[in-house]
Amino acid sequence: MIYCSKAEKKEEPKQEPLPPPTVTKAEPGPFGITRHLWDSTATPQDRIEVALAVKDEDIELQGNEKATIETNKGAIVVKLYSKDAPKTVRNFIRLAESGFYDGLIWHRYEPGFVIQGGDPLGSGSGNPGYNIAFEHNNRKHELGAVGMARGQDLNSASCQFYFCLAPQPGLDGNYVVFAKTVEGMDVVNELRRGDTIVKITISRD
């Protein structure tokens, strides 16, 4: 199943506070959200704060949205299912345009099943500080389908997403498929655990 891992409670050793991250901002993207450019001191909490700040931004969908996912192995282009999963697509666009995903890793790789990423913690247990509602649609988990990972609750998806490395009909109806790969499936097949999401940009045809 495509579950987000539950974080185990551990006592963290006390550490000296890090200096505030040096965060610069790029020009707003096509949806008016300003991208944050992270430096090496940025923490998961910094990303979460950015995600919370943009989670209610109004996004007008036209049905021709695409995302280019740049990775350390190459670029992948996906067509977003704006009409079939509008809430999920809006959430993905907000996170992508804000820079939330930039620099995160692909933390899960299961050959013949999925490659999964988008967790600010890099462990499978992180989220952006909120969840989104489940959107049932008839899109199938075909080769190259892109879906939202979640916990056991249907309404617990947030930021983690996965690519299907083979058809997965057993997932149909249980997870929201919100995009499909239209370019770069060879790149998807090359991704492994620990590889990096360099940047995600949104465009319209």
Protein backbone atom coordinates (compact mmCIF):
# COMPACT_ATOMS: atom_id res chain seq x y z
CA MET A 1 0.00 0.00 0.00
CA ILE A 2 1.04 3.62 -0.40
CA TYR A 3 1.00 4.68 3.22
CA CYS A 4 2.93 7.53 4.75
CA SER A 5 4.96 6.18 7.65
CA LYS A 6 4.06 7.06 11.21
CA ALA A 7 6.78 8.90 13.07
CA GLU A 8 8.05 7.17 16.18
CA LYS A 9 8.33 9.30 19.30
CA LYS A 10 11.94 9.62 20.37
CA GLU A 11 13.67 11.87 22.83
CA GLU A 12 15.82 14.19 20.78
CA PRO A 13 19.15 15.31 22.24
CA LYS A 14 19.34 18.99 23.02
CA GLN A 15 21.13 20.95 20.32
CA GLU A 16 22.24 24.50 19.93
CA PRO A 17 19.71 26.45 17.84
CA LEU A 18 20.63 26.86 14.20
CA PRO A 19 20.97 30.34 12.74
CA PRO A 20 17.93 31.53 10.78
CA PRO A 21 18.03 30.15 7.21
CA THR A 22 19.00 32.51 4.46
CA VAL A 23 15.94 32.22 2.24
CA THR A 24 15.77 34.19 -0.96
CA LYS A 25 12.70 34.47 -3.13
CA ALA A 26 12.29 34.15 -6.88
CA GLU A 27 9.71 35.91 -9.01
CA PRO A 28 6.13 34.60 -8.68
CA GLY A 29 5.18 31.75 -11.02
CA PRO A 30 2.16 31.64 -13.35
CA PHE A 31 -0.21 31.22 -10.39
CA GLY A 32 1.19 34.15 -8.44
CA ILE A 33 2.99 32.17 -5.74
CA THR A 34 6.54 33.22 -4.94
CA ARG A 35 9.13 30.43 -4.91
CA HIS A 36 11.39 30.13 -1.88
CA LEU A 37 15.01 29.28 -2.61
CA TRP A 38 16.49 27.26 0.25
CA ASP A 39 20.04 27.30 1.53
CA SER A 40 21.82 24.52 3.42
CA THR A 41 20.51 25.64 6.82
CA ALA A 42 16.83 25.35 5.89
CA THR A 43 14.89 22.88 8.05
CA PRO A 44 11.74 20.82 7.44
CA GLN A 45 9.88 23.30 9.66
CA ASP A 46 10.87 26.13 7.33
CA ARG A 47 9.22 24.28 4.45
CA ILE A 48 6.15 23.51 6.54
CA GLU A 49 5.72 27.18 7.40
CA VAL A 50 5.86 28.07 3.70
CA ALA A 51 3.31 25.35 2.89
CA LEU A 52 0.93 26.59 5.57
CA ALA A 53 1.27 30.14 4.26
CA VAL A 54 0.14 29.18 0.74
CA LYS A 55 -2.34 26.37 1.43
CA ASP A 56 -5.37 28.61 0.89
CA GLU A 57 -4.05 30.51 -2.13
CA ASP A 58 -6.68 30.71 -4.86
CA ILE A 59 -5.66 28.67 -7.90
CA GLU A 60 -7.73 28.98 -11.07
CA LEU A 61 -7.46 25.79 -13.12
CA GLN A 62 -8.00 25.73 -16.88
CA GLY A 63 -7.50 22.01 -17.50
CA ASN A 64 -4.23 22.33 -19.43
CA GLU A 65 -1.77 22.37 -16.54
CA LYS A 66 1.49 20.43 -16.62
CA ALA A 67 4.32 19.98 -14.16
CA THR A 68 7.98 19.57 -15.02
CA ILE A 69 9.76 17.65 -12.29
CA GLU A 70 13.50 18.17 -12.52
CA THR A 71 15.54 15.47 -10.79
CA ASN A 72 19.23 14.66 -10.55
CA LYS A 73 18.58 11.95 -13.17
CA GLY A 74 16.75 14.22 -15.64
CA ALA A 75 13.37 15.86 -16.23
CA ILE A 76 9.88 14.35 -16.11
CA VAL A 77 6.77 16.05 -17.49
CA VAL A 78 3.34 15.12 -16.14
CA LYS A 79 -0.12 16.21 -17.23
CA LEU A 80 -2.19 17.25 -14.23
CA TYR A 81 -5.77 15.97 -14.01
CA SER A 82 -7.21 19.34 -13.10
CA LYS A 83 -10.81 18.34 -13.85
CA ASP A 84 -10.72 14.93 -12.17
CA ALA A 85 -8.82 15.90 -9.00
CA PRO A 86 -8.99 19.71 -8.69
CA LYS A 87 -8.34 19.92 -4.94
CA THR A 88 -5.36 17.61 -5.17
CA VAL A 89 -3.96 19.43 -8.20
CA ARG A 90 -4.36 22.82 -6.53
CA ASN A 91 -2.52 21.55 -3.48
CA PHE A 92 0.29 20.15 -5.62
CA ILE A 93 0.61 23.42 -7.56
CA ARG A 94 0.76 25.49 -4.36
CA LEU A 95 3.52 23.32 -2.92
CA ALA A 96 5.44 23.15 -6.20
CA GLU A 97 5.29 26.88 -6.89
CA SER A 98 6.29 27.79 -3.33
CA GLY A 99 9.48 25.74 -3.63
CA PHE A 100 8.35 23.28 -0.94
CA TYR A 101 9.50 20.27 -2.99
CA ASP A 102 12.81 21.71 -4.19
CA GLY A 103 15.73 19.69 -2.84
CA LEU A 104 13.68 16.90 -1.25
CA ILE A 105 14.58 13.26 -1.89
CA TRP A 106 12.82 10.23 -3.26
CA HIS A 107 12.64 8.28 -0.02
CA ARG A 108 10.92 5.10 -1.19
CA TYR A 109 11.75 2.82 -4.10
CA GLU A 110 10.10 -0.55 -4.67
CA PRO A 111 11.01 -2.17 -8.02
CA GLY A 112 7.96 -2.86 -10.16
CA PHE A 113 5.75 -0.92 -7.76
CA VAL A 114 6.43 2.78 -7.00
CA ILE A 115 9.00 5.50 -6.51
CA GLN A 116 7.80 7.97 -3.85
CA GLY A 117 8.95 11.39 -2.66
CA GLY A 118 7.84 14.81 -1.45
CA ASP A 119 8.31 14.31 2.30
CA PRO A 120 9.98 17.27 4.06
CA LEU A 121 11.53 14.84 6.56
CA GLY A 122 12.78 12.45 3.88
CA SER A 123 11.56 9.44 5.87
CA GLY A 124 7.97 8.89 4.75
CA SER A 125 6.53 10.25 8.00
CA GLY A 126 6.41 13.97 7.21
CA ASN A 127 3.67 16.31 6.02
CA PRO A 128 3.21 20.05 5.41
CA GLY A 129 1.16 20.62 8.55
CA TYR A 130 -2.23 19.80 7.06
CA ASN A 131 -4.11 17.12 5.10
CA ILE A 132 -6.36 17.30 2.05
CA ALA A 133 -9.69 15.61 1.38
CA PHE A 134 -9.86 12.41 -0.66
CA GLU A 135 -11.13 12.92 -4.22
CA HIS A 136 -12.61 9.84 -5.82
CA ASN A 137 -12.14 9.62 -9.58
CA ASN A 138 -11.97 6.98 -12.27
CA ARG A 139 -8.31 7.48 -13.17
CA LYS A 140 -6.37 4.23 -13.10
CA HIS A 141 -3.00 3.35 -11.63
CA GLU A 142 -1.43 2.73 -15.01
CA LEU A 143 2.27 2.75 -15.84
CA GLY A 144 3.45 6.31 -15.19
CA ALA A 145 0.38 7.34 -13.19
CA VAL A 146 1.06 9.83 -10.40
CA GLY A 147 -0.86 9.48 -7.15
CA MET A 148 -0.96 10.92 -3.65
CA ALA A 149 0.34 8.83 -0.78
CA ARG A 150 -1.66 8.86 2.46
CA GLY A 151 -2.02 7.28 5.87
CA GLN A 152 -4.74 4.80 6.76
CA ASP A 153 -7.36 7.55 6.74
CA LEU A 154 -8.59 8.31 3.22
CA ASN A 155 -8.39 12.01 4.04
CA SER A 156 -4.75 11.99 5.17
CA ALA A 157 -2.92 12.77 1.92
CA SER A 158 -0.85 15.95 1.99
CA CYS A 159 2.42 16.30 0.06
CA GLN A 160 3.94 12.88 -0.65
CA PHE A 161 3.37 11.55 -4.16
CA TYR A 162 4.43 8.52 -6.17
CA PHE A 163 4.92 7.27 -9.72
CA CYS A 164 3.65 3.84 -10.70
CA LEU A 165 6.48 1.74 -12.15
CA ALA A 166 3.94 -0.77 -13.48
CA PRO A 167 0.13 -0.97 -13.57
CA GLN A 168 -1.26 -1.24 -10.02
CA PRO A 169 -5.00 -1.98 -10.33
CA GLY A 170 -5.16 -2.93 -6.65
CA LEU A 171 -4.67 0.73 -5.76
CA ASP A 172 -7.52 2.01 -7.94
CA GLY A 173 -10.20 3.82 -5.95
CA ASN A 174 -8.11 3.87 -2.79
CA TYR A 175 -5.62 6.59 -3.73
CA VAL A 176 -6.05 9.76 -5.76
CA VAL A 177 -4.44 9.62 -9.20
CA PHE A 178 -3.89 13.26 -10.10
CA ALA A 179 -1.48 13.17 -13.05
CA LYS A 180 0.14 11.00 -15.71
CA THR A 181 3.65 10.94 -17.14
CA VAL A 182 3.81 12.32 -20.69
CA GLU A 183 7.59 12.72 -21.01
CA GLY A 184 10.54 11.21 -19.18
CA MET A 185 9.31 7.76 -18.18
CA ASP A 186 12.88 6.61 -18.77
CA VAL A 187 13.93 9.06 -16.05
CA VAL A 188 11.25 7.74 -13.69
CA ASN A 189 12.63 4.23 -14.21
CA GLU A 190 16.13 5.42 -13.31
CA LEU A 191 15.14 7.01 -9.99
CA ARG A 192 16.21 5.30 -6.79
CA ARG A 193 15.92 5.97 -3.07
CA GLY A 194 18.06 8.98 -2.17
CA ASP A 195 17.78 10.67 -5.56
CA THR A 196 16.68 14.30 -5.51
CA ILE A 197 13.76 16.43 -6.64
CA VAL A 198 15.69 19.46 -7.86
CA LYS A 199 12.71 21.65 -8.77
CA ILE A 200 9.07 21.40 -9.87
CA THR A 201 7.66 24.04 -12.20
CA ILE A 202 4.07 24.40 -13.40
CA SER A 203 3.05 25.47 -16.90
CA ARG A 204 0.04 25.62 -19.17
CA ASP A 205 -0.19 24.46 -22.79
